[in-house]
Amino acid sequence: MDQVTHEEIISVLAMFSRPDLIQEFKEHVKVDEDYEPPTFKMKREKYEIDEGSASSESDYEVEMDEDGFQSLK
């Protein structure tokens, strides 16, 4: 685990007043000085923003039963 993430986790545990978990975390999780987080590349969308959108398909009918529950026809 990289140093920054390690410190952030300890900070969150300290914020919630959990010294027991901080101690256990420090015992079981070590900082790897050679660790380099993976880089993620954004993929370009193949389709237009509104192409094939489910929000444009609003042609459905609903029926209500005697108990007031709705279901699609």
PDB file of N, CA and C in Angstrom:
ATOM      1  N   MET A   1       0.855  -1.174   0.000  1.00  0.00           N
ATOM      2  CA  MET A   1       0.000   0.000   0.000  1.00  0.00           C
ATOM      3  C   MET A   1       0.898   1.233   0.000  1.00  0.00           C
ATOM      4  N   ASP A   2       0.474   2.249  -0.737  1.00  0.00           N
ATOM      5  CA  ASP A   2       1.294   3.467  -0.792  1.00  0.00           C
ATOM      6  C   ASP A   2       1.123   4.290   0.493  1.00  0.00           C
ATOM      7  N   GLN A   3       2.075   5.159   0.731  1.00  0.00           N
ATOM      8  CA  GLN A   3       2.130   5.944   1.970  1.00  0.00           C
ATOM      9  C   GLN A   3       0.913   6.850   2.140  1.00  0.00           C
ATOM     10  N   VAL A   4       0.474   7.480   1.070  1.00  0.00           N
ATOM     11  CA  VAL A   4      -0.645   8.425   1.153  1.00  0.00           C
ATOM     12  C   VAL A   4      -1.928   7.713   1.576  1.00  0.00           C
ATOM     13  N   THR A   5      -2.217   6.574   0.954  1.00  0.00           N
ATOM     14  CA  THR A   5      -3.418   5.819   1.298  1.00  0.00           C
ATOM     15  C   THR A   5      -3.332   5.321   2.733  1.00  0.00           C
ATOM     16  N   HIS A   6      -2.184   4.855   3.133  1.00  0.00           N
ATOM     17  CA  HIS A   6      -1.968   4.371   4.500  1.00  0.00           C
ATOM     18  C   HIS A   6      -2.286   5.470   5.507  1.00  0.00           C
ATOM     19  N   GLU A   7      -1.788   6.671   5.260  1.00  0.00           N
ATOM     20  CA  GLU A   7      -2.033   7.791   6.167  1.00  0.00           C
ATOM     21  C   GLU A   7      -3.501   8.232   6.154  1.00  0.00           C
ATOM     22  N   GLU A   8      -4.141   8.165   4.999  1.00  0.00           N
ATOM     23  CA  GLU A   8      -5.554   8.539   4.915  1.00  0.00           C
ATOM     24  C   GLU A   8      -6.424   7.595   5.732  1.00  0.00           C
ATOM     25  N   ILE A   9      -6.140   6.309   5.666  1.00  0.00           N
ATOM     26  CA  ILE A   9      -6.920   5.334   6.434  1.00  0.00           C
ATOM     27  C   ILE A   9      -6.730   5.570   7.927  1.00  0.00           C
ATOM     28  N   ILE A  10      -5.513   5.815   8.345  1.00  0.00           N
ATOM     29  CA  ILE A  10      -5.257   6.098   9.758  1.00  0.00           C
ATOM     30  C   ILE A  10      -5.971   7.373  10.180  1.00  0.00           C
ATOM     31  N   SER A  11      -5.999   8.370   9.310  1.00  0.00           N
ATOM     32  CA  SER A  11      -6.682   9.626   9.607  1.00  0.00           C
ATOM     33  C   SER A  11      -8.186   9.412   9.801  1.00  0.00           C
ATOM     34  N   VAL A  12      -8.786   8.590   8.936  1.00  0.00           N
ATOM     35  CA  VAL A  12     -10.223   8.320   9.054  1.00  0.00           C
ATOM     36  C   VAL A  12     -10.513   7.559  10.350  1.00  0.00           C
ATOM     37  N   LEU A  13      -9.680   6.590  10.675  1.00  0.00           N
ATOM     38  CA  LEU A  13      -9.876   5.850  11.921  1.00  0.00           C
ATOM     39  C   LEU A  13      -9.717   6.759  13.136  1.00  0.00           C
ATOM     40  N   ALA A  14      -8.789   7.701  13.069  1.00  0.00           N
ATOM     41  CA  ALA A  14      -8.596   8.651  14.167  1.00  0.00           C
ATOM     42  C   ALA A  14      -9.791   9.589  14.287  1.00  0.00           C
ATOM     43  N   MET A  15     -10.362   9.965  13.151  1.00  0.00           N
ATOM     44  CA  MET A  15     -11.521  10.854  13.152  1.00  0.00           C
ATOM     45  C   MET A  15     -12.700  10.200  13.882  1.00  0.00           C
ATOM     46  N   PHE A  16     -12.786   8.870  13.790  1.00  0.00           N
ATOM     47  CA  PHE A  16     -13.861   8.151  14.462  1.00  0.00           C
ATOM     48  C   PHE A  16     -13.426   7.595  15.821  1.00  0.00           C
ATOM     49  N   SER A  17     -12.303   8.097  16.326  1.00  0.00           N
ATOM     50  CA  SER A  17     -11.793   7.720  17.654  1.00  0.00           C
ATOM     51  C   SER A  17     -11.682   6.208  17.812  1.00  0.00           C
ATOM     52  N   ARG A  18     -10.920   5.586  16.919  1.00  0.00           N
ATOM     53  CA  ARG A  18     -10.741   4.129  16.957  1.00  0.00           C
ATOM     54  C   ARG A  18      -9.253   3.772  17.062  1.00  0.00           C
ATOM     55  N   PRO A  19      -8.623   4.079  18.211  1.00  0.00           N
ATOM     56  CA  PRO A  19      -7.200   3.743  18.350  1.00  0.00           C
ATOM     57  C   PRO A  19      -6.941   2.239  18.289  1.00  0.00           C
ATOM     58  N   ASP A  20      -7.931   1.438  18.673  1.00  0.00           N
ATOM     59  CA  ASP A  20      -7.765  -0.012  18.595  1.00  0.00           C
ATOM     60  C   ASP A  20      -7.603  -0.464  17.142  1.00  0.00           C
ATOM     61  N   LEU A  21      -8.413   0.101  16.252  1.00  0.00           N
ATOM     62  CA  LEU A  21      -8.311  -0.266  14.846  1.00  0.00           C
ATOM     63  C   LEU A  21      -7.058   0.317  14.201  1.00  0.00           C
ATOM     64  N   ILE A  22      -6.652   1.491  14.666  1.00  0.00           N
ATOM     65  CA  ILE A  22      -5.418   2.086  14.144  1.00  0.00           C
ATOM     66  C   ILE A  22      -4.237   1.183  14.466  1.00  0.00           C
ATOM     67  N   GLN A  23      -4.177   0.704  15.686  1.00  0.00           N
ATOM     68  CA  GLN A  23      -3.077  -0.172  16.095  1.00  0.00           C
ATOM     69  C   GLN A  23      -3.085  -1.482  15.301  1.00  0.00           C
ATOM     70  N   GLU A  24      -4.264  -2.063  15.134  1.00  0.00           N
ATOM     71  CA  GLU A  24      -4.374  -3.312  14.381  1.00  0.00           C
ATOM     72  C   GLU A  24      -4.016  -3.086  12.910  1.00  0.00           C
ATOM     73  N   PHE A  25      -4.443  -1.961  12.362  1.00  0.00           N
ATOM     74  CA  PHE A  25      -4.119  -1.624  10.978  1.00  0.00           C
ATOM     75  C   PHE A  25      -2.616  -1.489  10.802  1.00  0.00           C
ATOM     76  N   LYS A  26      -1.964  -0.806  11.714  1.00  0.00           N
ATOM     77  CA  LYS A  26      -0.520  -0.617  11.619  1.00  0.00           C
ATOM     78  C   LYS A  26       0.228  -1.947  11.737  1.00  0.00           C
ATOM     79  N   GLU A  27      -0.315  -2.888  12.514  1.00  0.00           N
ATOM     80  CA  GLU A  27       0.330  -4.188  12.681  1.00  0.00           C
ATOM     81  C   GLU A  27       0.213  -5.053  11.426  1.00  0.00           C
ATOM     82  N   HIS A  28      -0.929  -4.975  10.749  1.00  0.00           N
ATOM     83  CA  HIS A  28      -1.205  -5.906   9.658  1.00  0.00           C
ATOM     84  C   HIS A  28      -1.009  -5.338   8.259  1.00  0.00           C
ATOM     85  N   VAL A  29      -0.963  -4.024   8.122  1.00  0.00           N
ATOM     86  CA  VAL A  29      -0.815  -3.412   6.800  1.00  0.00           C
ATOM     87  C   VAL A  29       0.468  -2.598   6.780  1.00  0.00           C
ATOM     88  N   LYS A  30       1.323  -2.945   5.860  1.00  0.00           N
ATOM     89  CA  LYS A  30       2.608  -2.264   5.757  1.00  0.00           C
ATOM     90  C   LYS A  30       2.652  -1.405   4.497  1.00  0.00           C
ATOM     91  N   VAL A  31       3.456  -0.355   4.565  1.00  0.00           N
ATOM     92  CA  VAL A  31       3.651   0.542   3.419  1.00  0.00           C
ATOM     93  C   VAL A  31       4.694  -0.080   2.499  1.00  0.00           C
ATOM     94  N   ASP A  32       4.360  -0.148   1.220  1.00  0.00           N
ATOM     95  CA  ASP A  32       5.283  -0.643   0.208  1.00  0.00           C
ATOM     96  C   ASP A  32       5.864   0.562  -0.523  1.00  0.00           C
ATOM     97  N   GLU A  33       7.133   0.811  -0.307  1.00  0.00           N
ATOM     98  CA  GLU A  33       7.779   1.987  -0.888  1.00  0.00           C
ATOM     99  C   GLU A  33       7.853   1.908  -2.414  1.00  0.00           C
ATOM    100  N   ASP A  34       7.815   0.706  -2.975  1.00  0.00           N
ATOM    101  CA  ASP A  34       7.940   0.533  -4.420  1.00  0.00           C
ATOM    102  C   ASP A  34       6.589   0.500  -5.128  1.00  0.00           C
ATOM    103  N   TYR A  35       5.504   0.587  -4.377  1.00  0.00           N
ATOM    104  CA  TYR A  35       4.165   0.474  -4.956  1.00  0.00           C
ATOM    105  C   TYR A  35       3.842   1.702  -5.797  1.00  0.00           C
ATOM    106  N   GLU A  36       3.343   1.446  -6.997  1.00  0.00           N
ATOM    107  CA  GLU A  36       2.863   2.523  -7.854  1.00  0.00           C
ATOM    108  C   GLU A  36       1.426   2.203  -8.229  1.00  0.00           C
ATOM    109  N   PRO A  37       0.478   3.057  -7.855  1.00  0.00           N
ATOM    110  CA  PRO A  37      -0.917   2.778  -8.176  1.00  0.00           C
ATOM    111  C   PRO A  37      -1.122   2.716  -9.677  1.00  0.00           C
ATOM    112  N   PRO A  38      -2.053   1.872 -10.122  1.00  0.00           N
ATOM    113  CA  PRO A  38      -2.297   1.763 -11.562  1.00  0.00           C
ATOM    114  C   PRO A  38      -2.874   3.057 -12.120  1.00  0.00           C
ATOM    115  N   THR A  39      -2.575   3.313 -13.366  1.00  0.00           N
ATOM    116  CA  THR A  39      -3.138   4.486 -14.024  1.00  0.00           C
ATOM    117  C   THR A  39      -4.301   4.026 -14.886  1.00  0.00           C
ATOM    118  N   PHE A  40      -5.378   4.755 -14.816  1.00  0.00           N
ATOM    119  CA  PHE A  40      -6.570   4.416 -15.574  1.00  0.00           C
ATOM    120  C   PHE A  40      -6.719   5.395 -16.722  1.00  0.00           C
ATOM    121  N   LYS A  41      -6.986   4.849 -17.888  1.00  0.00           N
ATOM    122  CA  LYS A  41      -7.194   5.692 -19.057  1.00  0.00           C
ATOM    123  C   LYS A  41      -8.686   5.748 -19.337  1.00  0.00           C
ATOM    124  N   MET A  42      -9.160   6.942 -19.608  1.00  0.00           N
ATOM    125  CA  MET A  42     -10.570   7.120 -19.925  1.00  0.00           C
ATOM    126  C   MET A  42     -10.847   6.571 -21.312  1.00  0.00           C
ATOM    127  N   LYS A  43     -11.880   5.768 -21.436  1.00  0.00           N
ATOM    128  CA  LYS A  43     -12.279   5.250 -22.733  1.00  0.00           C
ATOM    129  C   LYS A  43     -13.258   6.218 -23.371  1.00  0.00           C
ATOM    130  N   ARG A  44     -13.126   6.391 -24.659  1.00  0.00           N
ATOM    131  CA  ARG A  44     -14.065   7.254 -25.367  1.00  0.00           C
ATOM    132  C   ARG A  44     -15.368   6.500 -25.566  1.00  0.00           C
ATOM    133  N   GLU A  45     -16.452   7.220 -25.453  1.00  0.00           N
ATOM    134  CA  GLU A  45     -17.762   6.624 -25.671  1.00  0.00           C
ATOM    135  C   GLU A  45     -17.953   6.313 -27.141  1.00  0.00           C
ATOM    136  N   LYS A  46     -18.481   5.141 -27.445  1.00  0.00           N
ATOM    137  CA  LYS A  46     -18.760   4.767 -28.817  1.00  0.00           C
ATOM    138  C   LYS A  46     -20.030   5.437 -29.318  1.00  0.00           C
ATOM    139  N   TYR A  47     -20.926   5.733 -28.400  1.00  0.00           N
ATOM    140  CA  TYR A  47     -22.236   6.232 -28.770  1.00  0.00           C
ATOM    141  C   TYR A  47     -22.415   7.672 -28.319  1.00  0.00           C
ATOM    142  N   GLU A  48     -23.372   8.329 -28.904  1.00  0.00           N
ATOM    143  CA  GLU A  48     -23.711   9.681 -28.485  1.00  0.00           C
ATOM    144  C   GLU A  48     -24.358   9.614 -27.093  1.00  0.00           C
ATOM    145  N   ILE A  49     -24.380  10.730 -26.413  1.00  0.00           N
ATOM    146  CA  ILE A  49     -24.914  10.788 -25.058  1.00  0.00           C
ATOM    147  C   ILE A  49     -26.350  10.281 -24.995  1.00  0.00           C
ATOM    148  N   ASP A  50     -27.210  10.727 -25.912  1.00  0.00           N
ATOM    149  CA  ASP A  50     -28.622  10.367 -25.825  1.00  0.00           C
ATOM    150  C   ASP A  50     -29.026   9.247 -26.789  1.00  0.00           C
ATOM    151  N   GLU A  51     -28.085   8.645 -27.445  1.00  0.00           N
ATOM    152  CA  GLU A  51     -28.401   7.568 -28.377  1.00  0.00           C
ATOM    153  C   GLU A  51     -28.718   6.290 -27.594  1.00  0.00           C
ATOM    154  N   GLY A  52     -29.911   5.738 -27.831  1.00  0.00           N
ATOM    155  CA  GLY A  52     -30.283   4.493 -27.175  1.00  0.00           C
ATOM    156  C   GLY A  52     -30.592   4.648 -25.701  1.00  0.00           C
ATOM    157  N   SER A  53     -30.878   5.845 -25.281  1.00  0.00           N
ATOM    158  CA  SER A  53     -31.137   6.087 -23.875  1.00  0.00           C
ATOM    159  C   SER A  53     -32.468   5.483 -23.453  1.00  0.00           C
ATOM    160  N   ALA A  54     -32.486   4.843 -22.298  1.00  0.00           N
ATOM    161  CA  ALA A  54     -33.711   4.234 -21.789  1.00  0.00           C
ATOM    162  C   ALA A  54     -34.719   5.304 -21.374  1.00  0.00           C
ATOM    163  N   SER A  55     -34.243   6.505 -21.064  1.00  0.00           N
ATOM    164  CA  SER A  55     -35.158   7.562 -20.635  1.00  0.00           C
ATOM    165  C   SER A  55     -36.073   8.014 -21.773  1.00  0.00           C
ATOM    166  N   SER A  56     -35.666   7.769 -23.012  1.00  0.00           N
ATOM    167  CA  SER A  56     -36.501   8.178 -24.135  1.00  0.00           C
ATOM    168  C   SER A  56     -37.621   7.177 -24.411  1.00  0.00           C
ATOM    169  N   GLU A  57     -37.568   6.026 -23.784  1.00  0.00           N
ATOM    170  CA  GLU A  57     -38.581   4.995 -23.980  1.00  0.00           C
ATOM    171  C   GLU A  57     -39.596   5.060 -22.843  1.00  0.00           C
ATOM    172  N   SER A  58     -40.577   5.920 -22.985  1.00  0.00           N
ATOM    173  CA  SER A  58     -41.568   6.072 -21.923  1.00  0.00           C
ATOM    174  C   SER A  58     -42.919   5.498 -22.327  1.00  0.00           C
ATOM    175  N   ASP A  59     -42.949   4.575 -23.278  1.00  0.00           N
ATOM    176  CA  ASP A  59     -44.191   3.971 -23.736  1.00  0.00           C
ATOM    177  C   ASP A  59     -44.452   2.674 -22.972  1.00  0.00           C
ATOM    178  N   TYR A  60     -44.969   2.810 -21.767  1.00  0.00           N
ATOM    179  CA  TYR A  60     -45.323   1.636 -20.990  1.00  0.00           C
ATOM    180  C   TYR A  60     -46.639   1.917 -20.280  1.00  0.00           C
ATOM    181  N   GLU A  61     -47.358   0.864 -19.979  1.00  0.00           N
ATOM    182  CA  GLU A  61     -48.644   1.004 -19.304  1.00  0.00           C
ATOM    183  C   GLU A  61     -48.566   0.298 -17.957  1.00  0.00           C
ATOM    184  N   VAL A  62     -49.254   0.866 -16.985  1.00  0.00           N
ATOM    185  CA  VAL A  62     -49.259   0.324 -15.638  1.00  0.00           C
ATOM    186  C   VAL A  62     -50.684  -0.021 -15.259  1.00  0.00           C
ATOM    187  N   GLU A  63     -50.837  -1.164 -14.591  1.00  0.00           N
ATOM    188  CA  GLU A  63     -52.152  -1.521 -14.072  1.00  0.00           C
ATOM    189  C   GLU A  63     -52.057  -1.674 -12.557  1.00  0.00           C
ATOM    190  N   MET A  64     -53.137  -1.349 -11.857  1.00  0.00           N
ATOM    191  CA  MET A  64     -53.154  -1.404 -10.410  1.00  0.00           C
ATOM    192  C   MET A  64     -54.095  -2.529  -9.979  1.00  0.00           C
ATOM    193  N   ASP A  65     -53.625  -3.348  -9.035  1.00  0.00           N
ATOM    194  CA  ASP A  65     -54.482  -4.422  -8.553  1.00  0.00           C
ATOM    195  C   ASP A  65     -55.352  -3.921  -7.401  1.00  0.00           C
ATOM    196  N   GLU A  66     -56.149  -4.808  -6.816  1.00  0.00           N
ATOM    197  CA  GLU A  66     -57.110  -4.403  -5.771  1.00  0.00           C
ATOM    198  C   GLU A  66     -56.423  -3.952  -4.484  1.00  0.00           C
ATOM    199  N   ASP A  67     -55.162  -4.325  -4.282  1.00  0.00           N
ATOM    200  CA  ASP A  67     -54.424  -3.909  -3.087  1.00  0.00           C
ATOM    201  C   ASP A  67     -53.655  -2.609  -3.285  1.00  0.00           C
ATOM    202  N   GLY A  68     -53.717  -2.047  -4.490  1.00  0.00           N
ATOM    203  CA  GLY A  68     -53.050  -0.782  -4.769  1.00  0.00           C
ATOM    204  C   GLY A  68     -51.637  -0.933  -5.315  1.00  0.00           C
ATOM    205  N   PHE A  69     -51.218  -2.179  -5.583  1.00  0.00           N
ATOM    206  CA  PHE A  69     -49.877  -2.401  -6.137  1.00  0.00           C
ATOM    207  C   PHE A  69     -49.928  -2.217  -7.651  1.00  0.00           C
ATOM    208  N   GLN A  70     -48.860  -1.610  -8.172  1.00  0.00           N
ATOM    209  CA  GLN A  70     -48.789  -1.367  -9.599  1.00  0.00           C
ATOM    210  C   GLN A  70     -47.883  -2.392 -10.260  1.00  0.00           C
ATOM    211  N   SER A  71     -48.222  -2.760 -11.489  1.00  0.00           N
ATOM    212  CA  SER A  71     -47.383  -3.649 -12.276  1.00  0.00           C
ATOM    213  C   SER A  71     -47.491  -3.239 -13.741  1.00  0.00           C
ATOM    214  N   LEU A  72     -46.446  -3.605 -14.485  1.00  0.00           N
ATOM    215  CA  LEU A  72     -46.440  -3.292 -15.909  1.00  0.00           C
ATOM    216  C   LEU A  72     -47.373  -4.252 -16.642  1.00  0.00           C
ATOM    217  N   LYS A  73     -48.048  -3.725 -17.692  1.00  0.00           N
ATOM    218  CA  LYS A  73     -48.916  -4.582 -18.497  1.00  0.00           C
ATOM    219  C   LYS A  73     -48.107  -5.363 -19.484  1.00  0.00           C
TER     220      LYS A  73
END
